[in-house]
Amino acid sequence: MTVRSIHELTDTDDPAWPIIAKKLTTGPVTVQVLPADADRARQSLFRLQVTARSMLGTLVLNTGGLLVDHGWLRILGGGHAGLPDVATMNRISNPGDDHGALIIAVDVLGGLFAINGGALPGKPGGICFLGSDTLAWIPIGGGHTTFVNWALDGGLNRFYANVRWPGWADEVKHLPPDQGLSVYPPLWSAQGITNVAGTSRRSCDLLELAALHLDLAEQQS
């Protein structure tokens, strides 16, 4: 592949940021834009080799990430505090590294959204979801731009209806970006999913929780 310079990736006549920036302030759900570290964001963009014209590129370049719907969903960007940038999350060290599956968002329960680069079920380029209740990658359709717009337009309400409990927003909104909720009994068990409101929940490292679900999913495959 031809490696593009950071200037080629950032200098575009049609950046996506003005469009998404407007949506962040007018959508029906709460969104916190985490500030980006410019150097870290540009390094991530270079390793990913995507331009600021794309939704993925503009979020990496202009944000440290998005906390959507009281922080239930963390859409990854250029990285902030304990929340990794997209390239680091996917262990992409150099331009051209394999994108068999590119993780682009993590929910508070350790569920993962990824762009299918060929290693996941469904069509390449489509979004797949690994839920804490299913422990399996499931194609949900659409690409990255569709996914971000769906989340900002309130799509999480219906999508997560079976794993949310009364008062969930008050529990979630106070968590730091790098913290999630460990649920017991786990939601992938019959005891957990049939009585979500009755589960116990404690804060934990979000990436460790997501890694646990990835390991469990691999054991089941």
Foldseek 3Di string as FASTA:
>chain_A
DDQDDLCVQEDDPAACVVVVVVLQVPAPWDKDFAAADQVLLSQQCSLAVHHRNDPQNVQSRGTCWMQIRLNQKTFHHSHDDLGHHQCVLVVRDHHPPDPCWGWGMAGQQLKTKTQHCNNAPDDHQFIWIQDQQALHTDTPGDHDVVVVVCRRNPVVCVVCVQQDEPPNSVVRNVDDNQKHKHWPVTNNDPVCSVCVNPIDIDIDGNVVSNVVSNVVSVVVD
